[in-house]
C-alpha atoms as a PDB file:
ATOM      1  CA  UNK A   1       7.519  -3.051   4.927  1.00  0.00           C
ATOM      2  CA  UNK A   2       5.396  -6.084   4.218  1.00  0.00           C
ATOM      3  CA  UNK A   3       2.450  -6.208   6.582  1.00  0.00           C
ATOM      4  CA  UNK A   4       0.896  -9.620   6.981  1.00  0.00           C
ATOM      5  CA  UNK A   5      -2.335  -9.658   8.942  1.00  0.00           C
ATOM      6  CA  UNK A   6      -2.742 -12.519  11.362  1.00  0.00           C
ATOM      7  CA  UNK A   7      -5.807 -13.455  13.417  1.00  0.00           C
ATOM      8  CA  UNK A   8      -4.894 -10.925  16.145  1.00  0.00           C
ATOM      9  CA  UNK A   9      -4.560  -8.078  13.627  1.00  0.00           C
ATOM     10  CA  UNK A  10      -7.882  -8.944  12.020  1.00  0.00           C
ATOM     11  CA  UNK A  11      -9.578  -9.078  15.424  1.00  0.00           C
ATOM     12  CA  UNK A  12      -8.125  -5.675  16.360  1.00  0.00           C
ATOM     13  CA  UNK A  13      -9.163  -4.139  13.037  1.00  0.00           C
ATOM     14  CA  UNK A  14     -12.658  -5.517  13.397  1.00  0.00           C
ATOM     15  CA  UNK A  15     -12.998  -4.070  16.915  1.00  0.00           C
ATOM     16  CA  UNK A  16     -11.625  -0.673  15.841  1.00  0.00           C
ATOM     17  CA  UNK A  17     -14.010  -0.498  12.900  1.00  0.00           C
ATOM     18  CA  UNK A  18     -16.918  -1.063  15.271  1.00  0.00           C
ATOM     19  CA  UNK A  19     -15.705   1.587  17.729  1.00  0.00           C
ATOM     20  CA  UNK A  20     -12.486   3.493  17.093  1.00  0.00           C
ATOM     21  CA  UNK A  21     -12.558   4.901  20.630  1.00  0.00           C
ATOM     22  CA  UNK A  22     -12.051   1.492  22.262  1.00  0.00           C
ATOM     23  CA  UNK A  23      -9.191   1.633  24.754  1.00  0.00           C
ATOM     24  CA  UNK A  24      -6.080  -0.397  23.958  1.00  0.00           C
ATOM     25  CA  UNK A  25      -6.417  -2.216  27.270  1.00  0.00           C
ATOM     26  CA  UNK A  26      -9.909  -3.380  26.278  1.00  0.00           C
ATOM     27  CA  UNK A  27      -8.672  -4.375  22.829  1.00  0.00           C
ATOM     28  CA  UNK A  28      -5.952  -6.390  24.532  1.00  0.00           C
ATOM     29  CA  UNK A  29      -8.491  -8.209  26.687  1.00  0.00           C
ATOM     30  CA  UNK A  30     -10.597  -9.075  23.636  1.00  0.00           C
ATOM     31  CA  UNK A  31      -7.586 -10.342  21.680  1.00  0.00           C
ATOM     32  CA  UNK A  32      -5.808 -11.886  24.679  1.00  0.00           C
ATOM     33  CA  UNK A  33      -2.827  -9.577  24.119  1.00  0.00           C
ATOM     34  CA  UNK A  34      -0.983  -7.173  26.375  1.00  0.00           C
ATOM     35  CA  UNK A  35      -1.604  -3.445  25.949  1.00  0.00           C
ATOM     36  CA  UNK A  36       1.986  -3.090  24.716  1.00  0.00           C
ATOM     37  CA  UNK A  37       1.410  -5.755  22.038  1.00  0.00           C
ATOM     38  CA  UNK A  38      -1.813  -4.041  20.941  1.00  0.00           C
ATOM     39  CA  UNK A  39       0.005  -0.707  20.690  1.00  0.00           C
ATOM     40  CA  UNK A  40       2.843  -2.232  18.642  1.00  0.00           C
ATOM     41  CA  UNK A  41       0.395  -3.890  16.232  1.00  0.00           C
ATOM     42  CA  UNK A  42      -1.643  -0.705  15.776  1.00  0.00           C
ATOM     43  CA  UNK A  43       1.506   1.348  15.075  1.00  0.00           C
ATOM     44  CA  UNK A  44       2.576  -1.178  12.435  1.00  0.00           C
ATOM     45  CA  UNK A  45      -0.827  -0.935  10.741  1.00  0.00           C
ATOM     46  CA  UNK A  46      -0.639   2.883  10.880  1.00  0.00           C
ATOM     47  CA  UNK A  47       2.619   2.786   8.886  1.00  0.00           C
ATOM     48  CA  UNK A  48       0.778   1.322   5.928  1.00  0.00           C
ATOM     49  CA  UNK A  49      -1.827   4.082   6.062  1.00  0.00           C
ATOM     50  CA  UNK A  50       0.884   6.760   6.346  1.00  0.00           C
ATOM     51  CA  UNK A  51       2.632   5.440   3.239  1.00  0.00           C
ATOM     52  CA  UNK A  52      -0.632   5.389   1.314  1.00  0.00           C
ATOM     53  CA  UNK A  53      -1.434   8.973   2.370  1.00  0.00           C
ATOM     54  CA  UNK A  54       1.988  10.231   1.315  1.00  0.00           C
ATOM     55  CA  UNK A  55       1.669   8.535  -2.079  1.00  0.00           C
ATOM     56  CA  UNK A  56      -1.839   9.945  -2.607  1.00  0.00           C
ATOM     57  CA  UNK A  57      -0.595  13.444  -1.790  1.00  0.00           C
ATOM     58  CA  UNK A  58       2.307  13.358  -4.258  1.00  0.00           C
ATOM     59  CA  UNK A  59       1.303  14.986  -7.577  1.00  0.00           C
ATOM     60  CA  UNK A  60       4.015  13.137  -9.543  1.00  0.00           C
ATOM     61  CA  UNK A  61       2.537   9.743  -8.600  1.00  0.00           C
ATOM     62  CA  UNK A  62      -0.067   8.919 -11.218  1.00  0.00           C
ATOM     63  CA  UNK A  63      -0.870   5.385 -10.035  1.00  0.00           C
ATOM     64  CA  UNK A  64      -0.211   3.491  -6.820  1.00  0.00           C
ATOM     65  CA  UNK A  65      -0.864  -0.191  -6.171  1.00  0.00           C
ATOM     66  CA  UNK A  66      -0.497  -2.041  -2.852  1.00  0.00           C
ATOM     67  CA  UNK A  67       0.653  -5.481  -3.986  1.00  0.00           C
ATOM     68  CA  UNK A  68       1.669  -8.892  -2.700  1.00  0.00           C
ATOM     69  CA  UNK A  69       5.006 -10.459  -3.539  1.00  0.00           C
ATOM     70  CA  UNK A  70       8.536  -9.153  -3.723  1.00  0.00           C
ATOM     71  CA  UNK A  71       7.555  -5.550  -2.980  1.00  0.00           C
ATOM     72  CA  UNK A  72       4.780  -3.716  -1.119  1.00  0.00           C
ATOM     73  CA  UNK A  73       3.894  -0.944  -3.550  1.00  0.00           C
ATOM     74  CA  UNK A  74       4.127  -0.349  -7.276  1.00  0.00           C
ATOM     75  CA  UNK A  75       4.176   3.326  -8.169  1.00  0.00           C
ATOM     76  CA  UNK A  76       3.820   4.843 -11.609  1.00  0.00           C
ATOM     77  CA  UNK A  77       5.054   8.393 -11.574  1.00  0.00           C
ATOM     78  CA  UNK A  78       5.969  11.087 -14.037  1.00  0.00           C
ATOM     79  CA  UNK A  79       8.893  13.473 -13.622  1.00  0.00           C
ATOM     80  CA  UNK A  80      10.207  16.125 -16.002  1.00  0.00           C
ATOM     81  CA  UNK A  81      13.895  15.101 -15.731  1.00  0.00           C
ATOM     82  CA  UNK A  82      16.434  13.100 -13.736  1.00  0.00           C
ATOM     83  CA  UNK A  83      16.913  15.966 -11.298  1.00  0.00           C
ATOM     84  CA  UNK A  84      13.254  15.782 -10.310  1.00  0.00           C
ATOM     85  CA  UNK A  85      13.470  11.970 -10.184  1.00  0.00           C
ATOM     86  CA  UNK A  86      16.382  12.108  -7.749  1.00  0.00           C
ATOM     87  CA  UNK A  87      14.606  14.685  -5.577  1.00  0.00           C
ATOM     88  CA  UNK A  88      11.400  12.644  -5.559  1.00  0.00           C
ATOM     89  CA  UNK A  89      13.118   9.377  -4.629  1.00  0.00           C
ATOM     90  CA  UNK A  90      14.995  11.128  -1.838  1.00  0.00           C
ATOM     91  CA  UNK A  91      11.743  12.543  -0.493  1.00  0.00           C
ATOM     92  CA  UNK A  92       9.686   9.372  -0.803  1.00  0.00           C
ATOM     93  CA  UNK A  93      12.238   6.642  -0.122  1.00  0.00           C
ATOM     94  CA  UNK A  94      15.630   7.726   1.209  1.00  0.00           C
ATOM     95  CA  UNK A  95      14.062   9.981   3.832  1.00  0.00           C
ATOM     96  CA  UNK A  96      11.743   7.230   5.091  1.00  0.00           C
ATOM     97  CA  UNK A  97      13.149   4.787   7.651  1.00  0.00           C
ATOM     98  CA  UNK A  98      10.384   2.304   6.845  1.00  0.00           C
ATOM     99  CA  UNK A  99      11.558   1.845   3.247  1.00  0.00           C
ATOM    100  CA  UNK A 100      14.232  -0.854   3.160  1.00  0.00           C
ATOM    101  CA  UNK A 101      14.830  -0.729  -0.599  1.00  0.00           C
ATOM    102  CA  UNK A 102      13.284   0.324  -3.884  1.00  0.00           C
ATOM    103  CA  UNK A 103      13.773  -0.567  -7.515  1.00  0.00           C
ATOM    104  CA  UNK A 104      13.261   1.680 -10.522  1.00  0.00           C
ATOM    105  CA  UNK A 105      12.084   0.552 -13.936  1.00  0.00           C
ATOM    106  CA  UNK A 106      12.101   3.104 -16.748  1.00  0.00           C
ATOM    107  CA  UNK A 107       9.561   2.746 -19.551  1.00  0.00           C
ATOM    108  CA  UNK A 108      11.288   2.964 -22.908  1.00  0.00           C
ATOM    109  CA  UNK A 109       8.087   2.828 -24.953  1.00  0.00           C
ATOM    110  CA  UNK A 110       4.373   2.428 -24.301  1.00  0.00           C
ATOM    111  CA  UNK A 111       3.321  -0.775 -26.030  1.00  0.00           C
ATOM    112  CA  UNK A 112      -0.238  -0.827 -24.709  1.00  0.00           C
ATOM    113  CA  UNK A 113      -2.134   1.187 -22.166  1.00  0.00           C
ATOM    114  CA  UNK A 114      -5.776   0.448 -21.531  1.00  0.00           C
ATOM    115  CA  UNK A 115      -8.299   0.002 -18.792  1.00  0.00           C
ATOM    116  CA  UNK A 116     -11.172  -1.604 -20.746  1.00  0.00           C
ATOM    117  CA  UNK A 117     -12.776  -4.668 -19.215  1.00  0.00           C
ATOM    118  CA  UNK A 118     -13.305  -7.432 -21.796  1.00  0.00           C
ATOM    119  CA  UNK A 119     -17.020  -7.973 -22.348  1.00  0.00           C
ATOM    120  CA  UNK A 120     -18.552 -11.145 -23.734  1.00  0.00           C
ATOM    121  CA  UNK A 121     -20.685 -10.427 -26.810  1.00  0.00           C
ATOM    122  CA  UNK A 122     -23.413 -12.928 -27.753  1.00  0.00           C
ATOM    123  CA  UNK A 123     -21.588 -15.995 -26.526  1.00  0.00           C
ATOM    124  CA  UNK A 124     -18.198 -14.916 -27.906  1.00  0.00           C
ATOM    125  CA  UNK A 125     -15.318 -14.365 -25.545  1.00  0.00           C
ATOM    126  CA  UNK A 126     -12.171 -12.430 -26.399  1.00  0.00           C
ATOM    127  CA  UNK A 127      -9.454 -14.604 -27.996  1.00  0.00           C
ATOM    128  CA  UNK A 128     -11.767 -17.633 -27.912  1.00  0.00           C
ATOM    129  CA  UNK A 129     -11.074 -18.163 -24.190  1.00  0.00           C
END
């Protein structure tokens, strides 16, 4: 479900942010698109927001990143056992027609987990970089 924003999408998003009540026909005139094309583009953008809402609402998902590249989202979630994992993947992925595929990576050991931002101290940078 990779969503790439082109100039039309950006123009539509800009107009909607200024006034979300703008009619699709008016948006189409501004973007030089048909009302049907505007509707299709807005629905596609709504899919992204729906996925994000469903991930935010899931208590097992501890972290969610919208990323560029081979996949659209990276999820870090915690389940108590394989039974819960299977149920969760069925709910989040198999039951969603917009998900074409997913890949699971299982952490065998936590090597490092941190969120500190490196800070330069008196002219010294971390690792001499």
